[in-house]
PDB file of N, CA and C in Angstrom:
ATOM      1  N   PHE A   1     -28.168   1.008  61.538  1.00  0.00           N
ATOM      2  CA  PHE A   1     -29.484  -0.583  61.807  1.00  0.00           C
ATOM      3  C   PHE A   1     -30.789   0.345  61.430  1.00  0.00           C
ATOM      4  N   LEU A   2     -31.262   1.836  62.090  1.00  0.00           N
ATOM      5  CA  LEU A   2     -32.641   2.285  61.182  1.00  0.00           C
ATOM      6  C   LEU A   2     -32.567   1.682  60.444  1.00  0.00           C
ATOM      7  N   ARG A   3     -32.329   1.631  59.478  1.00  0.00           N
ATOM      8  CA  ARG A   3     -32.360   1.466  57.888  1.00  0.00           C
ATOM      9  C   ARG A   3     -32.583  -0.001  57.441  1.00  0.00           C
ATOM     10  N   TRP A   4     -32.585  -0.602  59.014  1.00  0.00           N
ATOM     11  CA  TRP A   4     -32.229  -2.449  58.575  1.00  0.00           C
ATOM     12  C   TRP A   4     -33.565  -2.303  59.532  1.00  0.00           C
ATOM     13  N   ALA A   5     -33.881  -1.955  60.604  1.00  0.00           N
ATOM     14  CA  ALA A   5     -35.726  -1.632  61.334  1.00  0.00           C
ATOM     15  C   ALA A   5     -36.121  -1.602  59.825  1.00  0.00           C
ATOM     16  N   LYS A   6     -36.414  -0.634  59.513  1.00  0.00           N
ATOM     17  CA  LYS A   6     -37.311  -0.175  58.523  1.00  0.00           C
ATOM     18  C   LYS A   6     -37.439  -1.015  57.079  1.00  0.00           C
ATOM     19  N   ASN A   7     -36.568  -1.360  56.442  1.00  0.00           N
ATOM     20  CA  ASN A   7     -36.694  -2.034  55.224  1.00  0.00           C
ATOM     21  C   ASN A   7     -36.780  -3.741  55.420  1.00  0.00           C
ATOM     22  N   ILE A   8     -36.558  -4.312  56.701  1.00  0.00           N
ATOM     23  CA  ILE A   8     -36.616  -5.298  56.529  1.00  0.00           C
ATOM     24  C   ILE A   8     -37.881  -6.161  57.847  1.00  0.00           C
ATOM     25  N   PHE A   9     -37.844  -5.263  58.960  1.00  0.00           N
ATOM     26  CA  PHE A   9     -38.966  -5.482  59.284  1.00  0.00           C
ATOM     27  C   PHE A   9     -39.750  -4.556  59.532  1.00  0.00           C
ATOM     28  N   GLY A  10     -40.215  -3.103  58.805  1.00  0.00           N
ATOM     29  CA  GLY A  10     -41.107  -2.178  58.690  1.00  0.00           C
ATOM     30  C   GLY A  10     -41.257  -2.258  59.918  1.00  0.00           C
ATOM     31  N   LYS A  11     -40.538  -0.968  60.660  1.00  0.00           N
ATOM     32  CA  LYS A  11     -40.574  -1.012  61.801  1.00  0.00           C
ATOM     33  C   LYS A  11     -39.300   0.486  61.964  1.00  0.00           C
ATOM     34  N   ASN A  12     -39.773   1.531  62.942  1.00  0.00           N
ATOM     35  CA  ASN A  12     -39.779   2.415  63.107  1.00  0.00           C
ATOM     36  C   ASN A  12     -38.590   2.623  64.175  1.00  0.00           C
ATOM     37  N   ASN A  13     -37.873   1.662  64.583  1.00  0.00           N
ATOM     38  CA  ASN A  13     -37.086   1.532  65.809  1.00  0.00           C
ATOM     39  C   ASN A  13     -35.915   0.453  66.069  1.00  0.00           C
ATOM     40  N   VAL A  14     -34.674   0.291  66.523  1.00  0.00           N
ATOM     41  CA  VAL A  14     -33.687  -1.036  66.340  1.00  0.00           C
ATOM     42  C   VAL A  14     -34.823  -1.918  67.378  1.00  0.00           C
ATOM     43  N   GLU A  15     -34.923  -1.259  68.470  1.00  0.00           N
ATOM     44  CA  GLU A  15     -35.875  -1.983  69.473  1.00  0.00           C
ATOM     45  C   GLU A  15     -36.642  -2.882  69.039  1.00  0.00           C
ATOM     46  N   SER A  16     -37.422  -2.501  68.557  1.00  0.00           N
ATOM     47  CA  SER A  16     -39.011  -3.124  67.611  1.00  0.00           C
ATOM     48  C   SER A  16     -38.494  -4.858  66.471  1.00  0.00           C
ATOM     49  N   ALA A  17     -36.976  -4.216  65.894  1.00  0.00           N
ATOM     50  CA  ALA A  17     -36.822  -4.813  65.195  1.00  0.00           C
ATOM     51  C   ALA A  17     -36.530  -5.938  65.429  1.00  0.00           C
ATOM     52  N   VAL A  18     -35.767  -5.946  66.508  1.00  0.00           N
ATOM     53  CA  VAL A  18     -34.376  -7.095  66.928  1.00  0.00           C
ATOM     54  C   VAL A  18     -35.559  -7.949  67.973  1.00  0.00           C
ATOM     55  N   GLN A  19     -36.556  -7.604  68.364  1.00  0.00           N
ATOM     56  CA  GLN A  19     -37.718  -7.774  68.804  1.00  0.00           C
ATOM     57  C   GLN A  19     -37.800  -8.670  67.479  1.00  0.00           C
ATOM     58  N   ALA A  20     -38.683  -8.765  66.725  1.00  0.00           N
ATOM     59  CA  ALA A  20     -39.440  -9.454  65.774  1.00  0.00           C
ATOM     60  C   ALA A  20     -38.144  -9.923  65.418  1.00  0.00           C
ATOM     61  N   LEU A  21     -37.309  -9.669  65.115  1.00  0.00           N
ATOM     62  CA  LEU A  21     -35.749 -11.082  64.948  1.00  0.00           C
ATOM     63  C   LEU A  21     -35.998 -12.163  65.865  1.00  0.00           C
ATOM     64  N   LYS A  22     -36.216 -11.590  66.676  1.00  0.00           N
ATOM     65  CA  LYS A  22     -36.196 -13.519  67.427  1.00  0.00           C
ATOM     66  C   LYS A  22     -37.415 -14.068  68.078  1.00  0.00           C
ATOM     67  N   GLU A  23     -38.800 -13.280  67.242  1.00  0.00           N
ATOM     68  CA  GLU A  23     -39.578 -13.792  67.509  1.00  0.00           C
ATOM     69  C   GLU A  23     -39.465 -14.722  66.021  1.00  0.00           C
ATOM     70  N   LYS A  24     -39.265 -14.165  64.805  1.00  0.00           N
ATOM     71  CA  LYS A  24     -39.137 -14.768  63.788  1.00  0.00           C
ATOM     72  C   LYS A  24     -37.971 -16.297  64.410  1.00  0.00           C
ATOM     73  N   TYR A  25     -36.605 -16.271  65.003  1.00  0.00           N
ATOM     74  CA  TYR A  25     -35.963 -17.043  64.918  1.00  0.00           C
ATOM     75  C   TYR A  25     -36.682 -17.852  66.410  1.00  0.00           C
ATOM     76  N   ARG A  26     -37.097 -17.216  66.674  1.00  0.00           N
ATOM     77  CA  ARG A  26     -38.053 -18.728  67.658  1.00  0.00           C
ATOM     78  C   ARG A  26     -39.794 -19.567  67.265  1.00  0.00           C
ATOM     79  N   SER A  27     -39.774 -18.402  66.165  1.00  0.00           N
ATOM     80  CA  SER A  27     -40.754 -19.734  65.321  1.00  0.00           C
ATOM     81  C   SER A  27     -40.630 -20.179  64.858  1.00  0.00           C
ATOM     82  N   TRP A  28     -39.332 -20.946  64.643  1.00  0.00           N
ATOM     83  CA  TRP A  28     -38.476 -21.766  63.763  1.00  0.00           C
ATOM     84  C   TRP A  28     -37.340 -22.609  64.212  1.00  0.00           C
ATOM     85  N   GLY A  29     -37.687 -21.995  65.729  1.00  0.00           N
ATOM     86  CA  GLY A  29     -37.234 -23.132  66.962  1.00  0.00           C
ATOM     87  C   GLY A  29     -36.107 -22.515  67.625  1.00  0.00           C
ATOM     88  N   ALA A  30     -35.242 -21.697  66.466  1.00  0.00           N
ATOM     89  CA  ALA A  30     -33.913 -21.142  67.576  1.00  0.00           C
ATOM     90  C   ALA A  30     -34.110 -20.563  68.247  1.00  0.00           C
ATOM     91  N   PRO A  31     -32.436 -21.445  69.231  1.00  0.00           N
ATOM     92  CA  PRO A  31     -32.220 -20.330  70.398  1.00  0.00           C
ATOM     93  C   PRO A  31     -31.553 -18.694  70.395  1.00  0.00           C
ATOM     94  N   VAL A  32     -32.702 -17.232  71.391  1.00  0.00           N
ATOM     95  CA  VAL A  32     -31.994 -16.973  71.335  1.00  0.00           C
ATOM     96  C   VAL A  32     -31.377 -16.315  72.450  1.00  0.00           C
ATOM     97  N   SER A  33     -31.023 -16.841  73.027  1.00  0.00           N
ATOM     98  CA  SER A  33     -30.623 -16.530  73.944  1.00  0.00           C
ATOM     99  C   SER A  33     -29.830 -17.797  75.305  1.00  0.00           C
ATOM    100  N   LEU A  34     -28.821 -16.921  76.418  1.00  0.00           N
ATOM    101  CA  LEU A  34     -28.164 -18.398  76.690  1.00  0.00           C
ATOM    102  C   LEU A  34     -28.873 -19.081  77.498  1.00  0.00           C
ATOM    103  N   ARG A  35     -29.861 -18.300  77.980  1.00  0.00           N
ATOM    104  CA  ARG A  35     -31.015 -19.273  78.456  1.00  0.00           C
ATOM    105  C   ARG A  35     -31.344 -20.160  77.699  1.00  0.00           C
ATOM    106  N   ASP A  36     -31.810 -20.249  76.934  1.00  0.00           N
ATOM    107  CA  ASP A  36     -32.527 -20.439  75.619  1.00  0.00           C
ATOM    108  C   ASP A  36     -31.708 -22.099  75.204  1.00  0.00           C
ATOM    109  N   LEU A  37     -30.457 -22.064  75.488  1.00  0.00           N
ATOM    110  CA  LEU A  37     -29.590 -22.591  75.435  1.00  0.00           C
ATOM    111  C   LEU A  37     -28.735 -23.054  76.975  1.00  0.00           C
ATOM    112  N   ASN A  38     -29.718 -23.423  78.112  1.00  0.00           N
ATOM    113  CA  ASN A  38     -29.655 -23.922  79.236  1.00  0.00           C
ATOM    114  C   ASN A  38     -28.657 -23.600  79.890  1.00  0.00           C
ATOM    115  N   ILE A  39     -28.068 -22.254  79.498  1.00  0.00           N
ATOM    116  CA  ILE A  39     -26.192 -22.072  80.185  1.00  0.00           C
ATOM    117  C   ILE A  39     -27.049 -20.820  81.051  1.00  0.00           C
ATOM    118  N   SER A  40     -26.262 -21.734  82.688  1.00  0.00           N
ATOM    119  CA  SER A  40     -27.201 -20.774  83.818  1.00  0.00           C
ATOM    120  C   SER A  40     -25.813 -19.598  83.546  1.00  0.00           C
ATOM    121  N   ARG A  41     -25.889 -18.578  84.416  1.00  0.00           N
ATOM    122  CA  ARG A  41     -25.362 -17.533  85.106  1.00  0.00           C
ATOM    123  C   ARG A  41     -24.042 -17.768  85.383  1.00  0.00           C
ATOM    124  N   ASP A  42     -24.230 -18.590  86.227  1.00  0.00           N
ATOM    125  CA  ASP A  42     -23.156 -19.077  87.393  1.00  0.00           C
ATOM    126  C   ASP A  42     -22.119 -20.012  85.471  1.00  0.00           C
ATOM    127  N   GLU A  43     -22.726 -20.081  85.213  1.00  0.00           N
ATOM    128  CA  GLU A  43     -21.453 -21.091  84.120  1.00  0.00           C
ATOM    129  C   GLU A  43     -20.577 -19.482  83.091  1.00  0.00           C
ATOM    130  N   ILE A  44     -21.217 -18.615  83.112  1.00  0.00           N
ATOM    131  CA  ILE A  44     -20.555 -17.520  82.417  1.00  0.00           C
ATOM    132  C   ILE A  44     -19.278 -17.479  83.058  1.00  0.00           C
ATOM    133  N   PRO A  45     -18.264 -17.742  83.918  1.00  0.00           N
ATOM    134  CA  PRO A  45     -17.661 -17.581  84.391  1.00  0.00           C
ATOM    135  C   PRO A  45     -16.159 -18.242  83.384  1.00  0.00           C
ATOM    136  N   LYS A  46     -17.046 -19.294  83.728  1.00  0.00           N
ATOM    137  CA  LYS A  46     -15.798 -20.771  83.415  1.00  0.00           C
ATOM    138  C   LYS A  46     -16.096 -20.402  81.207  1.00  0.00           C
ATOM    139  N   ILE A  47     -17.419 -20.361  80.807  1.00  0.00           N
ATOM    140  CA  ILE A  47     -17.306 -20.069  79.943  1.00  0.00           C
ATOM    141  C   ILE A  47     -16.372 -19.113  79.366  1.00  0.00           C
ATOM    142  N   ILE A  48     -16.387 -17.378  80.279  1.00  0.00           N
ATOM    143  CA  ILE A  48     -15.263 -16.892  79.654  1.00  0.00           C
ATOM    144  C   ILE A  48     -13.933 -17.574  80.105  1.00  0.00           C
ATOM    145  N   GLU A  49     -13.340 -17.393  80.646  1.00  0.00           N
ATOM    146  CA  GLU A  49     -12.028 -17.907  81.023  1.00  0.00           C
ATOM    147  C   GLU A  49     -11.625 -19.521  79.419  1.00  0.00           C
ATOM    148  N   ILE A  50     -13.104 -20.660  79.505  1.00  0.00           N
ATOM    149  CA  ILE A  50     -12.422 -20.729  77.737  1.00  0.00           C
ATOM    150  C   ILE A  50     -12.125 -20.801  76.969  1.00  0.00           C
ATOM    151  N   ILE A  51     -13.478 -19.178  76.617  1.00  0.00           N
ATOM    152  CA  ILE A  51     -12.463 -17.961  75.791  1.00  0.00           C
ATOM    153  C   ILE A  51     -11.171 -17.352  75.577  1.00  0.00           C
ATOM    154  N   LEU A  52     -10.544 -17.327  76.324  1.00  0.00           N
ATOM    155  CA  LEU A  52      -9.602 -15.848  76.986  1.00  0.00           C
ATOM    156  C   LEU A  52      -8.206 -17.931  76.820  1.00  0.00           C
ATOM    157  N   GLN A  53      -9.094 -18.902  77.205  1.00  0.00           N
ATOM    158  CA  GLN A  53      -7.645 -19.800  77.198  1.00  0.00           C
ATOM    159  C   GLN A  53      -6.968 -20.259  75.783  1.00  0.00           C
ATOM    160  N   ALA A  54      -8.412 -20.085  74.819  1.00  0.00           N
ATOM    161  CA  ALA A  54      -8.305 -20.755  74.048  1.00  0.00           C
ATOM    162  C   ALA A  54      -7.950 -20.002  72.319  1.00  0.00           C
ATOM    163  N   ASN A  55      -8.205 -18.843  73.753  1.00  0.00           N
ATOM    164  CA  ASN A  55      -7.212 -17.970  71.864  1.00  0.00           C
ATOM    165  C   ASN A  55      -6.036 -17.398  72.840  1.00  0.00           C
ATOM    166  N   THR A  56      -4.951 -18.160  72.182  1.00  0.00           N
ATOM    167  CA  THR A  56      -3.806 -17.272  72.113  1.00  0.00           C
ATOM    168  C   THR A  56      -3.176 -16.764  71.315  1.00  0.00           C
ATOM    169  N   ILE A  57      -3.943 -16.891  69.743  1.00  0.00           N
ATOM    170  CA  ILE A  57      -3.506 -16.110  68.657  1.00  0.00           C
ATOM    171  C   ILE A  57      -3.336 -14.394  68.966  1.00  0.00           C
ATOM    172  N   ARG A  58      -3.994 -14.300  69.437  1.00  0.00           N
ATOM    173  CA  ARG A  58      -4.614 -12.623  68.615  1.00  0.00           C
ATOM    174  C   ARG A  58      -5.435 -12.549  69.701  1.00  0.00           C
ATOM    175  N   ASN A  59      -5.575 -11.252  69.849  1.00  0.00           N
ATOM    176  CA  ASN A  59      -6.609 -10.167  70.977  1.00  0.00           C
ATOM    177  C   ASN A  59      -8.508 -10.682  70.296  1.00  0.00           C
ATOM    178  N   ILE A  60      -9.306 -11.212  71.458  1.00  0.00           N
ATOM    179  CA  ILE A  60     -10.724 -10.942  70.782  1.00  0.00           C
ATOM    180  C   ILE A  60     -11.490  -9.306  71.021  1.00  0.00           C
ATOM    181  N   GLY A  61     -11.725  -9.047  69.777  1.00  0.00           N
ATOM    182  CA  GLY A  61     -12.562  -7.855  69.578  1.00  0.00           C
ATOM    183  C   GLY A  61     -11.209  -7.614  68.387  1.00  0.00           C
ATOM    184  N   ASN A  62     -11.945  -6.787  67.344  1.00  0.00           N
ATOM    185  CA  ASN A  62     -11.421  -6.360  66.348  1.00  0.00           C
ATOM    186  C   ASN A  62     -11.200  -4.797  66.690  1.00  0.00           C
ATOM    187  N   ILE A  63     -12.103  -3.697  66.980  1.00  0.00           N
ATOM    188  CA  ILE A  63     -12.008  -2.344  68.093  1.00  0.00           C
ATOM    189  C   ILE A  63     -11.322  -2.246  68.466  1.00  0.00           C
ATOM    190  N   LYS A  64     -11.775  -2.975  70.150  1.00  0.00           N
ATOM    191  CA  LYS A  64     -11.104  -3.138  70.876  1.00  0.00           C
ATOM    192  C   LYS A  64     -11.191  -4.425  71.505  1.00  0.00           C
ATOM    193  N   ASN A  65      -9.570  -4.283  72.611  1.00  0.00           N
ATOM    194  CA  ASN A  65      -9.410  -5.506  73.366  1.00  0.00           C
ATOM    195  C   ASN A  65     -10.147  -5.982  74.348  1.00  0.00           C
ATOM    196  N   LEU A  66     -10.703  -7.211  73.690  1.00  0.00           N
ATOM    197  CA  LEU A  66     -12.114  -7.214  74.987  1.00  0.00           C
ATOM    198  C   LEU A  66     -11.488  -8.305  75.722  1.00  0.00           C
ATOM    199  N   ASP A  67     -11.701  -7.519  77.251  1.00  0.00           N
ATOM    200  CA  ASP A  67     -11.542  -8.093  78.665  1.00  0.00           C
ATOM    201  C   ASP A  67     -12.273  -8.862  79.397  1.00  0.00           C
ATOM    202  N   PHE A  68     -12.045  -9.749  80.432  1.00  0.00           N
ATOM    203  CA  PHE A  68     -12.682 -10.438  81.232  1.00  0.00           C
ATOM    204  C   PHE A  68     -14.161 -10.457  81.544  1.00  0.00           C
ATOM    205  N   ASN A  69     -13.776  -8.177  82.046  1.00  0.00           N
ATOM    206  CA  ASN A  69     -15.343  -8.060  82.510  1.00  0.00           C
ATOM    207  C   ASN A  69     -16.337  -7.464  81.472  1.00  0.00           C
ATOM    208  N   ASP A  70     -14.938  -7.327  80.003  1.00  0.00           N
ATOM    209  CA  ASP A  70     -15.959  -6.490  78.666  1.00  0.00           C
ATOM    210  C   ASP A  70     -16.814  -8.361  78.248  1.00  0.00           C
ATOM    211  N   LEU A  71     -16.122  -9.445  77.768  1.00  0.00           N
ATOM    212  CA  LEU A  71     -16.347 -10.437  78.173  1.00  0.00           C
ATOM    213  C   LEU A  71     -18.159 -10.636  79.250  1.00  0.00           C
ATOM    214  N   TYR A  72     -17.824 -10.452  79.790  1.00  0.00           N
ATOM    215  CA  TYR A  72     -18.609 -11.051  81.329  1.00  0.00           C
ATOM    216  C   TYR A  72     -20.056  -9.729  80.413  1.00  0.00           C
ATOM    217  N   GLU A  73     -20.070  -8.542  80.433  1.00  0.00           N
ATOM    218  CA  GLU A  73     -21.197  -7.839  80.929  1.00  0.00           C
ATOM    219  C   GLU A  73     -22.056  -8.461  78.697  1.00  0.00           C
ATOM    220  N   ILE A  74     -20.885  -9.005  77.968  1.00  0.00           N
ATOM    221  CA  ILE A  74     -21.551  -8.981  77.202  1.00  0.00           C
ATOM    222  C   ILE A  74     -22.472 -10.489  77.306  1.00  0.00           C
ATOM    223  N   LEU A  75     -21.754 -11.535  78.275  1.00  0.00           N
ATOM    224  CA  LEU A  75     -22.624 -12.068  77.671  1.00  0.00           C
ATOM    225  C   LEU A  75     -23.545 -12.360  79.051  1.00  0.00           C
ATOM    226  N   ASN A  76     -23.165 -12.012  79.601  1.00  0.00           N
ATOM    227  CA  ASN A  76     -24.817 -11.109  80.576  1.00  0.00           C
ATOM    228  C   ASN A  76     -26.063 -10.534  80.166  1.00  0.00           C
ATOM    229  N   ILE A  77     -25.424  -9.708  78.519  1.00  0.00           N
ATOM    230  CA  ILE A  77     -26.688  -9.146  77.905  1.00  0.00           C
ATOM    231  C   ILE A  77     -27.653 -10.269  76.805  1.00  0.00           C
ATOM    232  N   ALA A  78     -26.836 -10.987  76.419  1.00  0.00           N
ATOM    233  CA  ALA A  78     -27.008 -12.662  76.019  1.00  0.00           C
ATOM    234  C   ALA A  78     -27.831 -13.697  76.706  1.00  0.00           C
ATOM    235  N   TYR A  79     -27.497 -13.522  77.595  1.00  0.00           N
ATOM    236  CA  TYR A  79     -28.549 -13.967  78.581  1.00  0.00           C
ATOM    237  C   TYR A  79     -30.177 -13.799  78.338  1.00  0.00           C
TER     238      TYR A  79
END
């Protein structure tokens, strides 16, 4: 990721590059968070239930099987 940060955004750390990417998306009018999509934190558990119910074929996650708590943490970061 550090190479991406340097090569694409000329940044010396990943956090600065991620911020620059978010700024670019915002300049295009694209949402960069669940909040930008007008999704409230109260809706996150319902979203997770929908994901878990809809996914009956395989596990969620390639490296680790993600459960409710994992998805909750990810979506809270995305908020």
